[in-house]
C-alpha atoms as a PDB file:
ATOM      1  CA  MET A   1     -44.853 -38.407 -53.875  1.00  0.00           C
ATOM      2  CA  SER A   2     -45.212 -41.455 -51.750  1.00  0.00           C
ATOM      3  CA  TYR A   3     -45.126 -41.316 -47.916  1.00  0.00           C
ATOM      4  CA  GLY A   4     -41.831 -43.641 -48.139  1.00  0.00           C
ATOM      5  CA  LEU A   5     -40.176 -41.223 -50.142  1.00  0.00           C
ATOM      6  CA  GLY A   6     -41.138 -38.202 -48.362  1.00  0.00           C
ATOM      7  CA  ALA A   7     -39.720 -39.979 -45.171  1.00  0.00           C
ATOM      8  CA  GLU A   8     -36.588 -40.867 -46.685  1.00  0.00           C
ATOM      9  CA  MET A   9     -36.225 -37.310 -47.926  1.00  0.00           C
ATOM     10  CA  LEU A  10     -36.843 -36.109 -44.317  1.00  0.00           C
ATOM     11  CA  ASN A  11     -34.243 -38.798 -43.168  1.00  0.00           C
ATOM     12  CA  PHE A  12     -31.689 -37.143 -46.051  1.00  0.00           C
ATOM     13  CA  GLY A  13     -31.825 -33.913 -44.285  1.00  0.00           C
ATOM     14  CA  ALA A  14     -31.612 -35.016 -40.630  1.00  0.00           C
ATOM     15  CA  LEU A  15     -28.931 -37.255 -41.263  1.00  0.00           C
ATOM     16  CA  ILE A  16     -26.786 -34.550 -42.813  1.00  0.00           C
ATOM     17  CA  ALA A  17     -27.656 -32.336 -39.961  1.00  0.00           C
ATOM     18  CA  PHE A  18     -26.573 -35.038 -37.098  1.00  0.00           C
ATOM     19  CA  MET A  19     -23.264 -35.707 -39.217  1.00  0.00           C
ATOM     20  CA  GLY A  20     -22.958 -31.814 -39.341  1.00  0.00           C
ATOM     21  CA  VAL A  21     -23.187 -31.816 -35.495  1.00  0.00           C
ATOM     22  CA  ASN A  22     -20.973 -34.756 -34.963  1.00  0.00           C
ATOM     23  CA  ALA A  23     -18.420 -33.353 -36.986  1.00  0.00           C
ATOM     24  CA  ALA A  24     -18.764 -30.008 -35.191  1.00  0.00           C
ATOM     25  CA  ALA A  25     -18.133 -31.680 -31.655  1.00  0.00           C
ATOM     26  CA  PHE A  26     -15.111 -33.502 -32.839  1.00  0.00           C
ATOM     27  CA  VAL A  27     -13.654 -30.204 -34.253  1.00  0.00           C
ATOM     28  CA  ARG A  28     -14.460 -28.331 -31.133  1.00  0.00           C
ATOM     29  CA  TYR A  29     -12.976 -30.973 -28.624  1.00  0.00           C
ATOM     30  CA  VAL A  30     -10.379 -33.037 -30.374  1.00  0.00           C
ATOM     31  CA  ILE A  31      -8.910 -30.395 -32.910  1.00  0.00           C
ATOM     32  CA  ARG A  32      -9.763 -26.926 -31.422  1.00  0.00           C
ATOM     33  CA  ASP A  33      -9.305 -27.776 -27.667  1.00  0.00           C
ATOM     34  CA  GLN A  34      -6.808 -30.792 -28.300  1.00  0.00           C
ATOM     35  CA  LYS A  35      -8.733 -33.004 -25.541  1.00  0.00           C
ATOM     36  CA  ARG A  36      -7.731 -36.324 -27.252  1.00  0.00           C
ATOM     37  CA  THR A  37      -8.959 -38.904 -24.693  1.00  0.00           C
ATOM     38  CA  LEU A  38     -11.469 -41.485 -25.858  1.00  0.00           C
ATOM     39  CA  SER A  39     -14.282 -39.937 -24.256  1.00  0.00           C
ATOM     40  CA  PHE A  40     -13.973 -37.059 -26.453  1.00  0.00           C
ATOM     41  CA  ILE A  41     -12.992 -38.750 -29.751  1.00  0.00           C
ATOM     42  CA  VAL A  42     -15.246 -41.960 -29.790  1.00  0.00           C
ATOM     43  CA  PRO A  43     -18.752 -40.394 -29.460  1.00  0.00           C
ATOM     44  CA  PRO A  44     -18.856 -37.917 -32.320  1.00  0.00           C
ATOM     45  CA  ALA A  45     -16.575 -39.931 -34.527  1.00  0.00           C
ATOM     46  CA  LEU A  46     -19.005 -43.043 -33.790  1.00  0.00           C
ATOM     47  CA  GLY A  47     -22.160 -40.873 -34.408  1.00  0.00           C
ATOM     48  CA  PHE A  48     -20.824 -39.449 -37.761  1.00  0.00           C
ATOM     49  CA  VAL A  49     -20.067 -43.113 -38.881  1.00  0.00           C
ATOM     50  CA  ILE A  50     -23.570 -44.397 -38.101  1.00  0.00           C
ATOM     51  CA  CYS A  51     -25.331 -41.457 -39.498  1.00  0.00           C
ATOM     52  CA  LEU A  52     -23.026 -41.693 -42.769  1.00  0.00           C
ATOM     53  CA  LEU A  53     -24.089 -45.543 -43.071  1.00  0.00           C
ATOM     54  CA  LEU A  54     -27.744 -44.618 -42.448  1.00  0.00           C
ATOM     55  CA  TRP A  55     -27.342 -41.770 -45.032  1.00  0.00           C
ATOM     56  CA  LEU A  56     -25.822 -44.274 -47.599  1.00  0.00           C
ATOM     57  CA  SER A  57     -28.507 -46.745 -47.183  1.00  0.00           C
ATOM     58  CA  LEU A  58     -31.212 -44.569 -48.575  1.00  0.00           C
ATOM     59  CA  SER A  59     -32.726 -45.033 -51.748  1.00  0.00           C
ATOM     60  CA  THR A  60     -31.568 -43.636 -54.956  1.00  0.00           C
ATOM     61  CA  PRO A  61     -34.411 -41.498 -55.632  1.00  0.00           C
ATOM     62  CA  ALA A  62     -34.438 -40.272 -51.938  1.00  0.00           C
ATOM     63  CA  LYS A  63     -30.715 -39.259 -52.526  1.00  0.00           C
ATOM     64  CA  ILE A  64     -31.512 -37.264 -55.782  1.00  0.00           C
ATOM     65  CA  ALA A  65     -34.604 -35.507 -54.711  1.00  0.00           C
ATOM     66  CA  GLY A  66     -32.671 -34.724 -51.368  1.00  0.00           C
ATOM     67  CA  THR A  67     -29.610 -33.564 -53.165  1.00  0.00           C
ATOM     68  CA  VAL A  68     -31.991 -31.335 -55.655  1.00  0.00           C
ATOM     69  CA  TRP A  69     -33.992 -29.838 -52.590  1.00  0.00           C
ATOM     70  CA  MET A  70     -30.534 -28.945 -51.017  1.00  0.00           C
ATOM     71  CA  THR A  71     -29.048 -27.334 -53.958  1.00  0.00           C
ATOM     72  CA  VAL A  72     -32.234 -25.063 -54.595  1.00  0.00           C
ATOM     73  CA  GLY A  73     -32.359 -24.378 -50.931  1.00  0.00           C
ATOM     74  CA  ILE A  74     -28.344 -23.403 -50.871  1.00  0.00           C
ATOM     75  CA  ALA A  75     -29.035 -21.529 -54.102  1.00  0.00           C
ATOM     76  CA  PHE A  76     -31.813 -19.471 -52.936  1.00  0.00           C
ATOM     77  CA  GLY A  77     -29.939 -18.604 -49.459  1.00  0.00           C
ATOM     78  CA  ALA A  78     -27.020 -17.692 -51.629  1.00  0.00           C
ATOM     79  CA  TRP A  79     -29.345 -15.475 -53.771  1.00  0.00           C
ATOM     80  CA  LYS A  80     -31.115 -13.763 -50.896  1.00  0.00           C
ATOM     81  CA  THR A  81     -28.117 -12.743 -49.296  1.00  0.00           C
ATOM     82  CA  ARG A  82     -26.043 -11.788 -51.978  1.00  0.00           C
ATOM     83  CA  GLY A  83     -23.569 -14.583 -51.726  1.00  0.00           C
ATOM     84  CA  PHE A  84     -24.052 -15.102 -48.083  1.00  0.00           C
ATOM     85  CA  ARG A  85     -22.685 -11.558 -47.356  1.00  0.00           C
ATOM     86  CA  GLY A  86     -25.791  -9.677 -46.929  1.00  0.00           C
ATOM     87  CA  ASP A  87     -27.416  -7.951 -43.950  1.00  0.00           C
ATOM     88  CA  LEU A  88     -29.331 -11.396 -43.122  1.00  0.00           C
ATOM     89  CA  VAL A  89     -26.359 -13.207 -42.416  1.00  0.00           C
ATOM     90  CA  ASN A  90     -24.382 -12.661 -38.929  1.00  0.00           C
ATOM     91  CA  PHE A  91     -21.992 -15.422 -37.791  1.00  0.00           C
ATOM     92  CA  ASP A  92     -21.070 -13.220 -34.835  1.00  0.00           C
ATOM     93  CA  LEU A  93     -21.480 -14.501 -31.526  1.00  0.00           C
ATOM     94  CA  PRO A  94     -23.761 -12.399 -29.264  1.00  0.00           C
ATOM     95  CA  ALA A  95     -21.870 -10.631 -26.426  1.00  0.00           C
ATOM     96  CA  ASP A  96     -22.298 -12.070 -22.963  1.00  0.00           C
ATOM     97  CA  GLU A  97     -24.786  -9.997 -21.225  1.00  0.00           C
ATOM     98  CA  GLU A  98     -24.629  -9.378 -17.415  1.00  0.00           C
ATOM     99  CA  VAL A  99     -27.843  -9.396 -15.452  1.00  0.00           C
END
């Protein structure tokens, strides 16, 4: 594997993660809390679009290798947690502790 392909594969995952962060911020502030001012809408939407455009500009081999690697990771996670229902998966928020 070349250094360039490795860097692009790293960017494949990082850009997907950043798109997820921007999408989560959009959902949190615009949809869930209904704070529909430009200061809450524009930054996550613009961040998502920029990351998407960068992701689309990756080479085809990087997209293929990244997709295969992500698919293997998701399948392994599903297998280890029995379909994401096992003891290893806990999506509950921890209770606030008073000090």
